[in-house]
């Protein structure tokens, strides 16, 4: 499913990432120099799964 289809706009996405960072201590979109805005929910999940330990 595309993130656009979820109804999330850029503000909702930013809030979600901030809340996840509060919970996990990780923001994969600022850690990586080549991070791109995820197109799908799967891309979003993989961004968190692929954060180096």
PDB file of N, CA and C in Angstrom:
ATOM      1  N   UNK A   1       0.854  -1.168   0.000  1.00  0.00           N
ATOM      2  CA  UNK A   1       0.000   0.000   0.000  1.00  0.00           C
ATOM      3  C   UNK A   1       0.904   1.237   0.000  1.00  0.00           C
ATOM      4  N   UNK A   2       0.575   2.190  -0.836  1.00  0.00           N
ATOM      5  CA  UNK A   2       1.369   3.416  -0.848  1.00  0.00           C
ATOM      6  C   UNK A   2       1.035   4.237   0.397  1.00  0.00           C
ATOM      7  N   UNK A   3       2.017   4.994   0.858  1.00  0.00           N
ATOM      8  CA  UNK A   3       1.770   5.838   2.027  1.00  0.00           C
ATOM      9  C   UNK A   3       0.719   6.890   1.710  1.00  0.00           C
ATOM     10  N   UNK A   4       0.649   7.305   0.473  1.00  0.00           N
ATOM     11  CA  UNK A   4      -0.366   8.274   0.063  1.00  0.00           C
ATOM     12  C   UNK A   4      -1.772   7.713   0.302  1.00  0.00           C
ATOM     13  N   UNK A   5      -1.957   6.419   0.052  1.00  0.00           N
ATOM     14  CA  UNK A   5      -3.260   5.779   0.240  1.00  0.00           C
ATOM     15  C   UNK A   5      -3.653   5.677   1.711  1.00  0.00           C
ATOM     16  N   UNK A   6      -2.698   5.804   2.622  1.00  0.00           N
ATOM     17  CA  UNK A   6      -3.007   5.717   4.051  1.00  0.00           C
ATOM     18  C   UNK A   6      -3.656   6.986   4.568  1.00  0.00           C
ATOM     19  N   UNK A   7      -3.581   8.067   3.788  1.00  0.00           N
ATOM     20  CA  UNK A   7      -4.132   9.332   4.234  1.00  0.00           C
ATOM     21  C   UNK A   7      -3.120  10.175   4.990  1.00  0.00           C
ATOM     22  N   UNK A   8      -1.893   9.656   5.160  1.00  0.00           N
ATOM     23  CA  UNK A   8      -0.855  10.414   5.840  1.00  0.00           C
ATOM     24  C   UNK A   8      -0.369  11.532   4.934  1.00  0.00           C
ATOM     25  N   UNK A   9      -0.259  12.720   5.504  1.00  0.00           N
ATOM     26  CA  UNK A   9       0.402  13.805   4.803  1.00  0.00           C
ATOM     27  C   UNK A   9       1.790  13.956   5.412  1.00  0.00           C
ATOM     28  N   UNK A  10       2.546  14.935   4.971  1.00  0.00           N
ATOM     29  CA  UNK A  10       3.916  15.081   5.461  1.00  0.00           C
ATOM     30  C   UNK A  10       3.961  15.367   6.962  1.00  0.00           C
ATOM     31  N   UNK A  11       2.986  16.104   7.482  1.00  0.00           N
ATOM     32  CA  UNK A  11       2.956  16.381   8.917  1.00  0.00           C
ATOM     33  C   UNK A  11       2.682  15.110   9.717  1.00  0.00           C
ATOM     34  N   UNK A  12       1.731  14.321   9.288  1.00  0.00           N
ATOM     35  CA  UNK A  12       1.426  13.066   9.984  1.00  0.00           C
ATOM     36  C   UNK A  12       2.630  12.130   9.944  1.00  0.00           C
ATOM     37  N   UNK A  13       3.311  12.097   8.804  1.00  0.00           N
ATOM     38  CA  UNK A  13       4.504  11.266   8.674  1.00  0.00           C
ATOM     39  C   UNK A  13       5.578  11.738   9.657  1.00  0.00           C
ATOM     40  N   UNK A  14       5.794  13.042   9.744  1.00  0.00           N
ATOM     41  CA  UNK A  14       6.801  13.588  10.655  1.00  0.00           C
ATOM     42  C   UNK A  14       6.456  13.278  12.107  1.00  0.00           C
ATOM     43  N   UNK A  15       5.194  13.363  12.464  1.00  0.00           N
ATOM     44  CA  UNK A  15       4.770  13.044  13.829  1.00  0.00           C
ATOM     45  C   UNK A  15       5.003  11.573  14.134  1.00  0.00           C
ATOM     46  N   UNK A  16       4.663  10.702  13.188  1.00  0.00           N
ATOM     47  CA  UNK A  16       4.888   9.269  13.381  1.00  0.00           C
ATOM     48  C   UNK A  16       6.365   8.968  13.579  1.00  0.00           C
ATOM     49  N   UNK A  17       7.215   9.537  12.736  1.00  0.00           N
ATOM     50  CA  UNK A  17       8.657   9.306  12.858  1.00  0.00           C
ATOM     51  C   UNK A  17       9.170   9.824  14.200  1.00  0.00           C
ATOM     52  N   UNK A  18       8.703  10.995  14.633  1.00  0.00           N
ATOM     53  CA  UNK A  18       9.132  11.552  15.918  1.00  0.00           C
ATOM     54  C   UNK A  18       8.700  10.658  17.081  1.00  0.00           C
ATOM     55  N   UNK A  19       7.492  10.154  17.027  1.00  0.00           N
ATOM     56  CA  UNK A  19       7.014   9.273  18.106  1.00  0.00           C
ATOM     57  C   UNK A  19       7.779   7.957  18.122  1.00  0.00           C
ATOM     58  N   UNK A  20       8.058   7.422  16.938  1.00  0.00           N
ATOM     59  CA  UNK A  20       8.849   6.193  16.882  1.00  0.00           C
ATOM     60  C   UNK A  20      10.265   6.437  17.394  1.00  0.00           C
ATOM     61  N   UNK A  21      10.820   7.608  17.094  1.00  0.00           N
ATOM     62  CA  UNK A  21      12.150   7.925  17.603  1.00  0.00           C
ATOM     63  C   UNK A  21      12.126   8.026  19.131  1.00  0.00           C
ATOM     64  N   UNK A  22      11.079   8.612  19.693  1.00  0.00           N
ATOM     65  CA  UNK A  22      10.949   8.677  21.149  1.00  0.00           C
ATOM     66  C   UNK A  22      10.919   7.277  21.762  1.00  0.00           C
ATOM     67  N   UNK A  23      10.233   6.357  21.103  1.00  0.00           N
ATOM     68  CA  UNK A  23      10.089   4.987  21.626  1.00  0.00           C
ATOM     69  C   UNK A  23      11.323   4.121  21.376  1.00  0.00           C
ATOM     70  N   UNK A  24      11.933   4.266  20.197  1.00  0.00           N
ATOM     71  CA  UNK A  24      13.026   3.364  19.806  1.00  0.00           C
ATOM     72  C   UNK A  24      14.406   3.993  19.894  1.00  0.00           C
ATOM     73  N   UNK A  25      14.452   5.334  19.925  1.00  0.00           N
ATOM     74  CA  UNK A  25      15.737   6.017  19.921  1.00  0.00           C
ATOM     75  C   UNK A  25      16.374   6.061  18.543  1.00  0.00           C
ATOM     76  N   UNK A  26      15.595   5.734  17.511  1.00  0.00           N
ATOM     77  CA  UNK A  26      16.128   5.639  16.152  1.00  0.00           C
ATOM     78  C   UNK A  26      15.257   6.441  15.190  1.00  0.00           C
ATOM     79  N   UNK A  27      15.925   7.192  14.318  1.00  0.00           N
ATOM     80  CA  UNK A  27      15.253   7.840  13.192  1.00  0.00           C
ATOM     81  C   UNK A  27      16.065   7.499  11.951  1.00  0.00           C
ATOM     82  N   UNK A  28      15.655   6.464  11.210  1.00  0.00           N
ATOM     83  CA  UNK A  28      16.443   6.010  10.074  1.00  0.00           C
ATOM     84  C   UNK A  28      16.540   7.043   8.954  1.00  0.00           C
ATOM     85  N   UNK A  29      15.705   8.054   8.992  1.00  0.00           N
ATOM     86  CA  UNK A  29      15.696   9.044   7.922  1.00  0.00           C
ATOM     87  C   UNK A  29      16.707  10.159   8.163  1.00  0.00           C
ATOM     88  N   UNK A  30      17.241  10.275   9.376  1.00  0.00           N
ATOM     89  CA  UNK A  30      18.310  11.236   9.629  1.00  0.00           C
ATOM     90  C   UNK A  30      19.653  10.544   9.819  1.00  0.00           C
ATOM     91  N   UNK A  31      19.640   9.246  10.098  1.00  0.00           N
ATOM     92  CA  UNK A  31      20.884   8.493  10.266  1.00  0.00           C
ATOM     93  C   UNK A  31      21.589   8.319   8.923  1.00  0.00           C
ATOM     94  N   UNK A  32      20.838   7.989   7.913  1.00  0.00           N
ATOM     95  CA  UNK A  32      21.392   7.681   6.598  1.00  0.00           C
ATOM     96  C   UNK A  32      21.496   8.939   5.745  1.00  0.00           C
ATOM     97  N   UNK A  33      22.631   9.075   5.049  1.00  0.00           N
ATOM     98  CA  UNK A  33      22.808  10.216   4.158  1.00  0.00           C
ATOM     99  C   UNK A  33      21.980  10.079   2.886  1.00  0.00           C
ATOM    100  N   UNK A  34      21.628   8.851   2.519  1.00  0.00           N
ATOM    101  CA  UNK A  34      20.895   8.638   1.268  1.00  0.00           C
ATOM    102  C   UNK A  34      19.453   8.195   1.498  1.00  0.00           C
ATOM    103  N   UNK A  35      18.918   8.532   2.667  1.00  0.00           N
ATOM    104  CA  UNK A  35      17.541   8.147   2.974  1.00  0.00           C
ATOM    105  C   UNK A  35      16.576   8.900   2.065  1.00  0.00           C
ATOM    106  N   UNK A  36      15.597   8.176   1.586  1.00  0.00           N
ATOM    107  CA  UNK A  36      14.571   8.776   0.725  1.00  0.00           C
ATOM    108  C   UNK A  36      13.214   8.579   1.386  1.00  0.00           C
ATOM    109  N   UNK A  37      12.279   9.440   1.034  1.00  0.00           N
ATOM    110  CA  UNK A  37      10.927   9.300   1.558  1.00  0.00           C
ATOM    111  C   UNK A  37      10.363   7.973   1.073  1.00  0.00           C
ATOM    112  N   UNK A  38       9.894   7.117   1.985  1.00  0.00           N
ATOM    113  CA  UNK A  38       9.362   5.815   1.573  1.00  0.00           C
ATOM    114  C   UNK A  38       8.068   5.973   0.772  1.00  0.00           C
ATOM    115  N   UNK A  39       7.943   5.166  -0.262  1.00  0.00           N
ATOM    116  CA  UNK A  39       6.761   5.235  -1.120  1.00  0.00           C
ATOM    117  C   UNK A  39       5.622   4.362  -0.605  1.00  0.00           C
ATOM    118  N   UNK A  40       5.977   3.287   0.091  1.00  0.00           N
ATOM    119  CA  UNK A  40       4.957   2.346   0.561  1.00  0.00           C
ATOM    120  C   UNK A  40       5.115   2.103   2.058  1.00  0.00           C
ATOM    121  N   UNK A  41       4.112   1.495   2.635  1.00  0.00           N
ATOM    122  CA  UNK A  41       4.188   1.117   4.047  1.00  0.00           C
ATOM    123  C   UNK A  41       5.339   0.131   4.236  1.00  0.00           C
ATOM    124  N   UNK A  42       5.517  -0.783   3.304  1.00  0.00           N
ATOM    125  CA  UNK A  42       6.624  -1.740   3.374  1.00  0.00           C
ATOM    126  C   UNK A  42       7.969  -1.050   3.368  1.00  0.00           C
ATOM    127  N   UNK A  43       8.140  -0.023   2.524  1.00  0.00           N
ATOM    128  CA  UNK A  43       9.383   0.746   2.499  1.00  0.00           C
ATOM    129  C   UNK A  43       9.634   1.399   3.855  1.00  0.00           C
ATOM    130  N   UNK A  44       8.568   1.902   4.459  1.00  0.00           N
ATOM    131  CA  UNK A  44       8.679   2.548   5.766  1.00  0.00           C
ATOM    132  C   UNK A  44       9.147   1.543   6.823  1.00  0.00           C
ATOM    133  N   UNK A  45       8.534   0.373   6.840  1.00  0.00           N
ATOM    134  CA  UNK A  45       8.906  -0.664   7.805  1.00  0.00           C
ATOM    135  C   UNK A  45      10.352  -1.103   7.572  1.00  0.00           C
ATOM    136  N   UNK A  46      10.735  -1.314   6.317  1.00  0.00           N
ATOM    137  CA  UNK A  46      12.101  -1.732   5.999  1.00  0.00           C
ATOM    138  C   UNK A  46      13.133  -0.690   6.422  1.00  0.00           C
ATOM    139  N   UNK A  47      12.776   0.576   6.372  1.00  0.00           N
ATOM    140  CA  UNK A  47      13.705   1.620   6.816  1.00  0.00           C
ATOM    141  C   UNK A  47      14.085   1.403   8.278  1.00  0.00           C
ATOM    142  N   UNK A  48      13.124   0.999   9.093  1.00  0.00           N
ATOM    143  CA  UNK A  48      13.411   0.734  10.507  1.00  0.00           C
ATOM    144  C   UNK A  48      14.097  -0.607  10.700  1.00  0.00           C
ATOM    145  N   UNK A  49      13.767  -1.582   9.899  1.00  0.00           N
ATOM    146  CA  UNK A  49      14.385  -2.910  10.016  1.00  0.00           C
ATOM    147  C   UNK A  49      15.847  -2.881   9.598  1.00  0.00           C
ATOM    148  N   UNK A  50      16.203  -1.975   8.700  1.00  0.00           N
ATOM    149  CA  UNK A  50      17.562  -1.951   8.148  1.00  0.00           C
ATOM    150  C   UNK A  50      18.496  -0.960   8.814  1.00  0.00           C
ATOM    151  N   UNK A  51      18.106  -0.433   9.968  1.00  0.00           N
ATOM    152  CA  UNK A  51      18.983   0.500  10.694  1.00  0.00           C
ATOM    153  C   UNK A  51      20.138  -0.300  11.279  1.00  0.00           C
ATOM    154  N   UNK A  52      21.381   0.158  11.017  1.00  0.00           N
ATOM    155  CA  UNK A  52      22.526  -0.553  11.604  1.00  0.00           C
ATOM    156  C   UNK A  52      22.468  -0.518  13.126  1.00  0.00           C
ATOM    157  N   UNK A  53      22.881  -1.604  13.726  1.00  0.00           N
ATOM    158  CA  UNK A  53      22.869  -1.705  15.192  1.00  0.00           C
ATOM    159  C   UNK A  53      23.999  -0.935  15.813  1.00  0.00           C
TER     160      UNK A  53
END
